[in-house]
């Protein structure tokens, strides 16, 4: 293989693959990206056997061929080169020369034959989803996916596609985040798939530069295509918890608070919360929301926020980070909080304003013992 490619074009594509390959992998080929020619362009691919990504990059093909090279190191090399064309030439035994102006590298590679086969999208176009809408849903739910691999059925987000809506749900067992948008989708049967955490993150990256993305379900794989880039992932084979009743729960104590004011107060008070529990106590009384946190080793902190509320009082504890995650994702000037008692979950929603998208966003968080 002998090709010439613009540095900016190649770097842009290689950057997308950095989250796909694993830094420490017992199978060396899985740390590599596949670079192969196809007409007047090169195709790039990488996989960890669960999630795979393909993309194309325009290039001048002098001699067709293919090679696999270390994804991280190739990215670092290309990023370090001058702002000029990059010349890649495959030598004997998969060694590859990389040159740009007066800079020369020689990099060890592995043959294309060792690279695993990747899932291919079917001939049909799939279900097209507006990129902005899906990106919004991921931003509002992705942070609630559990980081515990043992609870594999929670280690992903549930994507729900209907004729007139798209929704996403995620939970780690302590909180649940649900977001839905009303959109006309060209889908026959409703689709319900559990997307692994890593795939959700990579879809979010693809959507940073895509106006729309198309979805296909194939056996135990799902495929997302955004322009010339295709992401495929295995689905999670497990039963996602029944969330429908959880998101309809209400509380009799309803208050509205300025989002930024509440976020700043929680950040301040939580500085002296226990590092293990991150607990913050909320006390709601008429016209006032008091926040408090304490730790035997650090001390205590308190702050009061005036609110427009008339009703019964309640004292309840929450994980401060769980509240901050919601407040960051809410994006509106004010948020609504519904509480019942110190042993019942809290329900949080953004209050729509002129700048917020028409998203039905509900966040349920379990209380902590104080």
Protein backbone atom coordinates (compact mmCIF):
# COMPACT_ATOMS: atom_id res chain seq x y z
CA UNK A 1 0.00 0.00 0.00
CA UNK A 2 1.20 3.49 -0.88
CA UNK A 3 -1.01 6.52 -0.16
CA UNK A 4 -0.88 10.28 0.35
CA UNK A 5 -3.45 11.90 2.67
CA UNK A 6 -3.99 15.31 4.22
CA UNK A 7 -2.93 15.42 7.86
CA UNK A 8 -6.12 17.19 9.01
CA UNK A 9 -8.36 14.62 7.29
CA UNK A 10 -6.48 11.64 8.70
CA UNK A 11 -6.19 13.10 12.20
CA UNK A 12 -9.91 13.86 12.35
CA UNK A 13 -10.78 10.23 11.63
CA UNK A 14 -8.10 8.66 13.84
CA UNK A 15 -9.31 10.69 16.82
CA UNK A 16 -12.68 8.90 16.67
CA UNK A 17 -11.02 5.51 17.11
CA UNK A 18 -9.19 6.28 20.35
CA UNK A 19 -12.16 5.28 22.48
CA UNK A 20 -12.76 2.05 20.56
CA UNK A 21 -9.40 0.31 20.98
CA UNK A 22 -8.32 -0.91 24.40
CA UNK A 23 -4.93 0.21 25.73
CA UNK A 24 -4.30 -3.12 27.42
CA UNK A 25 -5.48 -6.04 25.34
CA UNK A 26 -4.38 -9.67 25.37
CA UNK A 27 -5.00 -9.81 21.59
CA UNK A 28 -2.47 -7.44 19.94
CA UNK A 29 -4.48 -6.91 16.74
CA UNK A 30 -7.32 -5.33 18.77
CA UNK A 31 -5.01 -2.44 19.68
CA UNK A 32 -4.62 -1.65 15.98
CA UNK A 33 -6.65 0.20 13.38
CA UNK A 34 -7.10 -1.32 9.96
CA UNK A 35 -6.15 1.02 7.11
CA UNK A 36 -7.05 -0.21 3.62
CA UNK A 37 -7.55 1.42 0.24
CA UNK A 38 -10.89 1.57 -1.58
CA UNK A 39 -10.89 3.53 -4.84
CA UNK A 40 -9.87 7.13 -4.18
CA UNK A 41 -10.09 6.86 -0.41
CA UNK A 42 -8.93 4.81 2.54
CA UNK A 43 -11.14 2.90 4.94
CA UNK A 44 -10.27 2.83 8.62
CA UNK A 45 -11.69 0.35 11.13
CA UNK A 46 -11.18 -0.74 14.74
CA UNK A 47 -12.92 -3.06 17.19
CA UNK A 48 -12.70 -4.51 20.69
CA UNK A 49 -14.92 -7.44 19.56
CA UNK A 50 -17.97 -5.83 21.23
CA UNK A 51 -17.97 -2.36 19.65
CA UNK A 52 -16.55 -1.53 16.21
CA UNK A 53 -16.20 1.62 14.13
CA UNK A 54 -15.59 2.18 10.43
CA UNK A 55 -14.89 5.43 8.61
CA UNK A 56 -13.45 6.66 5.31
CA UNK A 57 -10.92 9.35 4.49
CA UNK A 58 -10.13 10.89 1.07
CA UNK A 59 -6.64 10.01 -0.15
CA UNK A 60 -4.43 9.77 -3.19
CA UNK A 61 -3.92 6.04 -3.71
CA UNK A 62 -0.59 5.33 -5.41
CA UNK A 63 -0.70 1.59 -4.72
CA UNK A 64 -3.67 -0.29 -3.21
CA UNK A 65 -3.26 -2.46 -0.15
CA UNK A 66 -3.93 -2.73 3.57
CA UNK A 67 -2.16 -2.83 6.94
CA UNK A 68 -3.01 -2.61 10.63
CA UNK A 69 -1.13 -0.17 12.88
CA UNK A 70 -1.25 0.66 16.58
CA UNK A 71 -4.17 3.06 16.98
CA UNK A 72 -2.81 5.16 19.85
CA UNK A 73 0.71 5.51 18.51
CA UNK A 74 -0.41 6.22 14.94
CA UNK A 75 -2.67 8.99 16.23
CA UNK A 76 0.18 10.49 18.28
CA UNK A 77 2.53 10.36 15.30
CA UNK A 78 0.08 11.97 12.86
CA UNK A 79 -0.79 14.65 15.42
CA UNK A 80 2.92 15.53 15.79
CA UNK A 81 3.52 15.94 12.04
CA UNK A 82 3.75 19.29 10.23
CA UNK A 83 0.57 20.72 8.69
CA UNK A 84 1.17 19.05 5.36
CA UNK A 85 0.36 15.90 3.39
CA UNK A 86 1.20 12.55 4.98
CA UNK A 87 2.77 9.75 2.94
CA UNK A 88 2.18 6.17 4.16
CA UNK A 89 3.92 3.27 2.45
CA UNK A 90 3.71 -0.36 3.57
CA UNK A 91 7.07 -2.12 3.43
CA UNK A 92 8.04 -5.76 3.93
CA UNK A 93 6.53 -7.68 6.89
CA UNK A 94 3.86 -5.00 7.50
CA UNK A 95 6.38 -2.33 8.48
CA UNK A 96 5.06 1.08 7.43
CA UNK A 97 6.94 4.26 6.54
CA UNK A 98 5.21 7.50 7.56
CA UNK A 99 6.65 10.71 6.08
CA UNK A 100 5.72 14.38 6.04
CA UNK A 101 8.11 17.03 4.73
CA UNK A 102 11.42 16.28 6.50
CA UNK A 103 9.92 14.01 9.17
CA UNK A 104 10.18 10.22 8.84
CA UNK A 105 8.79 7.42 11.01
CA UNK A 106 8.95 3.68 10.56
CA UNK A 107 6.23 1.81 12.41
CA UNK A 108 5.68 -1.92 13.00
CA UNK A 109 2.29 -3.26 11.90
CA UNK A 110 0.36 -6.49 11.60
CA UNK A 111 -1.09 -8.01 8.41
CA UNK A 112 -4.65 -7.30 7.40
CA UNK A 113 -5.48 -11.04 7.45
CA UNK A 114 -5.23 -11.09 11.27
CA UNK A 115 -7.92 -8.42 11.68
CA UNK A 116 -11.34 -9.80 12.75
CA UNK A 117 -14.41 -9.56 10.52
CA UNK A 118 -16.79 -6.75 11.46
CA UNK A 119 -20.61 -6.67 11.35
CA UNK A 120 -21.90 -5.31 8.04
CA UNK A 121 -25.04 -3.15 7.88
CA UNK A 122 -27.91 -4.57 5.87
CA UNK A 123 -28.95 -3.13 2.54
CA UNK A 124 -31.95 -1.29 4.00
CA UNK A 125 -31.43 2.30 5.07
CA UNK A 126 -32.61 1.85 8.65
CA UNK A 127 -34.48 4.24 10.94
CA UNK A 128 -33.23 7.81 10.68
CA UNK A 129 -33.02 9.77 13.95
CA UNK A 130 -32.20 13.51 14.08
CA UNK A 131 -28.69 13.83 15.48
CA UNK A 132 -29.52 16.75 17.77
CA UNK A 133 -32.36 14.80 19.40
CA UNK A 134 -30.36 11.65 20.09
CA UNK A 135 -27.40 13.67 21.35
CA UNK A 136 -29.73 15.46 23.77
CA UNK A 137 -31.14 12.16 25.07
CA UNK A 138 -27.65 10.73 25.63
CA UNK A 139 -26.54 13.86 27.50
CA UNK A 140 -29.57 13.60 29.82
CA UNK A 141 -29.32 9.87 30.57
CA UNK A 142 -25.83 8.51 29.83
CA UNK A 143 -24.36 9.59 33.19
CA UNK A 144 -26.85 7.37 35.06
CA UNK A 145 -25.56 4.12 33.50
CA UNK A 146 -23.97 1.94 36.16
CA UNK A 147 -20.20 1.55 36.21
CA UNK A 148 -20.48 -1.89 37.85
CA UNK A 149 -19.78 -4.57 35.26
CA UNK A 150 -21.31 -7.25 37.50
CA UNK A 151 -24.75 -5.67 37.01
CA UNK A 152 -24.52 -6.18 33.27
CA UNK A 153 -28.24 -5.61 32.64
CA UNK A 154 -27.81 -2.03 33.94
CA UNK A 155 -24.51 -1.40 32.14
CA UNK A 156 -26.21 0.34 29.24
CA UNK A 157 -29.03 2.64 28.19
CA UNK A 158 -32.40 1.44 26.90
CA UNK A 159 -33.29 3.01 23.55
CA UNK A 160 -37.00 3.09 22.67
CA UNK A 161 -38.10 3.93 19.13
CA UNK A 162 -41.77 4.39 18.26
CA UNK A 163 -43.56 5.88 15.25
CA UNK A 164 -43.86 9.27 16.92
CA UNK A 165 -41.14 9.33 19.59
CA UNK A 166 -37.63 8.37 20.62
CA UNK A 167 -36.70 7.83 24.27
CA UNK A 168 -33.74 6.71 26.35
CA UNK A 169 -33.60 5.39 29.91
CA UNK A 170 -30.64 4.59 32.17
CA UNK A 171 -30.30 3.58 35.83
CA UNK A 172 -27.67 2.37 38.26
CA UNK A 173 -30.17 1.16 40.85
CA UNK A 174 -29.90 4.34 42.95
CA UNK A 175 -31.25 6.78 40.37
CA UNK A 176 -33.07 6.63 37.06
CA UNK A 177 -32.93 9.12 34.20
CA UNK A 178 -35.58 9.17 31.47
CA UNK A 179 -35.74 11.48 28.45
CA UNK A 180 -38.13 11.43 25.49
CA UNK A 181 -38.68 13.50 22.36
CA UNK A 182 -41.77 13.55 20.11
CA UNK A 183 -40.48 12.90 16.59
CA UNK A 184 -42.02 11.27 13.52
CA UNK A 185 -39.89 8.18 12.84
CA UNK A 186 -40.20 5.89 9.85
CA UNK A 187 -40.42 2.67 11.81
CA UNK A 188 -42.85 -0.21 11.49
CA UNK A 189 -42.65 -2.11 14.75
CA UNK A 190 -41.53 -0.34 17.94
CA UNK A 191 -37.84 -0.97 18.67
CA UNK A 192 -36.46 -1.60 22.17
CA UNK A 193 -32.70 -2.23 22.49
CA UNK A 194 -30.24 -2.12 25.37
CA UNK A 195 -27.06 -0.34 24.23
CA UNK A 196 -23.82 -0.93 26.19
CA UNK A 197 -22.23 2.01 28.02
CA UNK A 198 -19.20 2.19 25.73
CA UNK A 199 -21.37 2.25 22.60
CA UNK A 200 -23.51 5.04 24.07
CA UNK A 201 -20.37 7.11 24.65
CA UNK A 202 -19.08 6.52 21.13
CA UNK A 203 -22.47 7.37 19.56
CA UNK A 204 -22.31 10.66 21.44
CA UNK A 205 -18.92 11.39 19.85
CA UNK A 206 -20.20 10.57 16.37
CA UNK A 207 -23.09 12.96 16.86
CA UNK A 208 -20.79 15.92 17.52
CA UNK A 209 -20.48 16.38 13.75
CA UNK A 210 -23.56 14.61 12.37
CA UNK A 211 -26.98 16.10 11.59
CA UNK A 212 -28.68 12.69 11.49
CA UNK A 213 -27.92 9.10 12.34
CA UNK A 214 -29.51 5.92 11.07
CA UNK A 215 -30.29 2.88 13.25
CA UNK A 216 -30.50 -0.80 12.33
CA UNK A 217 -31.02 -3.89 14.47
CA UNK A 218 -29.36 -7.08 13.23
CA UNK A 219 -29.65 -10.26 15.31
CA UNK A 220 -27.57 -9.53 18.43
CA UNK A 221 -25.99 -6.38 16.97
CA UNK A 222 -27.10 -2.80 16.45
CA UNK A 223 -25.63 -0.53 13.80
CA UNK A 224 -25.58 3.29 13.77
CA UNK A 225 -24.52 5.11 10.59
CA UNK A 226 -23.69 8.82 10.56
CA UNK A 227 -22.50 9.98 7.16
CA UNK A 228 -19.44 7.92 6.21
CA UNK A 229 -19.00 6.51 9.72
CA UNK A 230 -20.58 3.29 10.98
CA UNK A 231 -20.64 2.14 14.59
CA UNK A 232 -21.70 -1.43 15.40
CA UNK A 233 -22.19 -2.90 18.85
CA UNK A 234 -23.40 -6.06 20.50
CA UNK A 235 -26.60 -5.56 22.46
CA UNK A 236 -26.88 -6.41 26.15
CA UNK A 237 -28.73 -9.69 26.59
CA UNK A 238 -30.67 -8.94 29.75
CA UNK A 239 -33.96 -7.62 31.12
CA UNK A 240 -33.94 -3.89 31.81
CA UNK A 241 -35.90 -3.00 34.97
CA UNK A 242 -39.53 -1.95 34.52
CA UNK A 243 -39.21 1.83 34.61
CA UNK A 244 -42.68 2.89 33.47
CA UNK A 245 -44.18 3.05 36.98
CA UNK A 246 -41.09 4.69 38.46
CA UNK A 247 -41.25 7.74 36.19
CA UNK A 248 -44.93 8.37 36.95
CA UNK A 249 -44.48 8.57 40.74
CA UNK A 250 -45.31 11.98 42.22
CA UNK A 251 -44.75 13.72 45.54
CA UNK A 252 -47.14 15.97 47.47
CA UNK A 253 -44.46 18.56 48.32
CA UNK A 254 -43.73 20.44 45.10
CA UNK A 255 -41.20 23.23 44.85
CA UNK A 256 -39.45 25.21 42.12
CA UNK A 257 -35.86 26.38 42.45
CA UNK A 258 -33.46 28.37 40.23
CA UNK A 259 -31.17 25.72 38.76
CA UNK A 260 -27.89 27.63 39.00
CA UNK A 261 -28.60 28.81 42.55
CA UNK A 262 -29.32 25.27 43.72
CA UNK A 263 -26.31 23.84 41.90
CA UNK A 264 -23.94 26.39 43.43
CA UNK A 265 -25.35 25.80 46.93
CA UNK A 266 -24.98 22.02 46.65
CA UNK A 267 -21.40 22.34 45.42
CA UNK A 268 -20.50 24.59 48.33
CA UNK A 269 -22.20 22.57 51.06
CA UNK A 270 -20.92 19.21 49.74
CA UNK A 271 -17.32 20.36 50.26
CA UNK A 272 -17.73 19.15 53.86
CA UNK A 273 -19.82 16.08 53.13
CA UNK A 274 -18.50 12.61 53.86
CA UNK A 275 -16.20 11.57 51.02
CA UNK A 276 -17.72 8.09 51.08
CA UNK A 277 -21.43 8.92 51.06
CA UNK A 278 -21.42 12.46 49.55
CA UNK A 279 -24.69 12.97 51.47
CA UNK A 280 -26.41 16.35 51.57
CA UNK A 281 -29.50 16.96 53.73
CA UNK A 282 -32.36 19.00 52.26
CA UNK A 283 -34.88 20.54 54.65
CA UNK A 284 -37.95 22.06 53.01
CA UNK A 285 -40.10 24.52 54.95
CA UNK A 286 -42.43 27.33 53.87
CA UNK A 287 -40.43 29.76 51.73
CA UNK A 288 -37.06 28.14 52.33
CA UNK A 289 -34.84 25.24 51.32
CA UNK A 290 -31.99 24.51 53.73
CA UNK A 291 -29.00 22.44 52.67
CA UNK A 292 -26.56 20.88 55.10
CA UNK A 293 -23.65 18.45 55.07
CA UNK A 294 -21.31 17.22 57.77
CA UNK A 295 -18.41 14.90 58.35
CA UNK A 296 -16.80 13.90 61.68
CA UNK A 297 -13.36 14.52 60.18
CA UNK A 298 -14.08 17.72 58.25
CA UNK A 299 -16.85 19.69 59.97
CA UNK A 300 -20.21 20.94 58.74
CA UNK A 301 -21.69 23.37 56.21
CA UNK A 302 -25.12 24.95 55.82
CA UNK A 303 -26.81 27.20 53.26
CA UNK A 304 -30.35 28.47 52.76
CA UNK A 305 -32.09 29.09 49.44
CA UNK A 306 -35.34 31.12 49.35
CA UNK A 307 -38.13 29.37 47.42
CA UNK A 308 -41.74 30.04 46.55
CA UNK A 309 -43.27 27.16 48.51
CA UNK A 310 -46.19 26.75 50.88
CA UNK A 311 -46.87 23.35 52.34
CA UNK A 312 -45.68 20.72 54.76
CA UNK A 313 -42.04 20.38 55.75
CA UNK A 314 -39.77 17.47 54.92
CA UNK A 315 -36.20 16.50 55.69
CA UNK A 316 -34.42 14.17 53.26
CA UNK A 317 -30.89 13.18 52.26
CA UNK A 318 -29.50 12.70 48.75
CA UNK A 319 -26.14 11.96 47.17
CA UNK A 320 -24.85 15.41 46.18
CA UNK A 321 -23.27 14.19 42.94
CA UNK A 322 -26.54 12.61 41.82
CA UNK A 323 -28.27 15.98 42.19
CA UNK A 324 -25.45 17.85 40.44
CA UNK A 325 -25.54 15.43 37.50
CA UNK A 326 -29.21 16.22 36.94
CA UNK A 327 -28.78 19.97 37.37
CA UNK A 328 -26.01 20.03 34.79
CA UNK A 329 -28.09 18.06 32.28
CA UNK A 330 -31.35 19.96 32.92
CA UNK A 331 -30.18 23.06 31.06
CA UNK A 332 -33.14 25.29 32.05
CA UNK A 333 -33.27 28.32 34.35
CA UNK A 334 -35.53 26.61 36.89
CA UNK A 335 -36.18 23.04 38.01
CA UNK A 336 -39.10 21.38 39.77
CA UNK A 337 -38.62 19.00 42.71
CA UNK A 338 -41.31 16.71 44.11
CA UNK A 339 -40.84 15.07 47.53
CA UNK A 340 -43.01 12.92 49.76
CA UNK A 341 -41.11 11.88 52.89
CA UNK A 342 -37.57 11.01 53.95
CA UNK A 343 -37.91 7.39 52.78
CA UNK A 344 -39.41 8.02 49.33
CA UNK A 345 -37.64 8.88 46.11
CA UNK A 346 -37.31 12.43 44.87
CA UNK A 347 -38.57 13.38 41.41
CA UNK A 348 -36.79 16.17 39.54
CA UNK A 349 -37.70 17.82 36.23
CA UNK A 350 -36.49 20.85 34.32
CA UNK A 351 -39.08 23.59 33.90
CA UNK A 352 -39.30 24.38 30.16
CA UNK A 353 -38.17 27.79 28.95
CA UNK A 354 -37.73 29.46 25.55
CA UNK A 355 -34.23 28.04 25.00
CA UNK A 356 -34.84 24.44 26.09
CA UNK A 357 -35.68 21.63 23.63
CA UNK A 358 -39.10 20.00 23.85
CA UNK A 359 -37.80 17.06 25.87
CA UNK A 360 -39.83 15.16 28.46
CA UNK A 361 -37.07 14.74 31.07
CA UNK A 362 -37.64 13.02 34.40
CA UNK A 363 -35.05 12.13 37.01
CA UNK A 364 -35.77 9.86 39.97
CA UNK A 365 -33.25 9.58 42.80
CA UNK A 366 -33.43 7.40 45.90
CA UNK A 367 -32.92 9.01 49.33
CA UNK A 368 -30.05 8.29 51.72
CA UNK A 369 -30.30 7.52 55.39
CA UNK A 370 -29.12 10.49 57.45
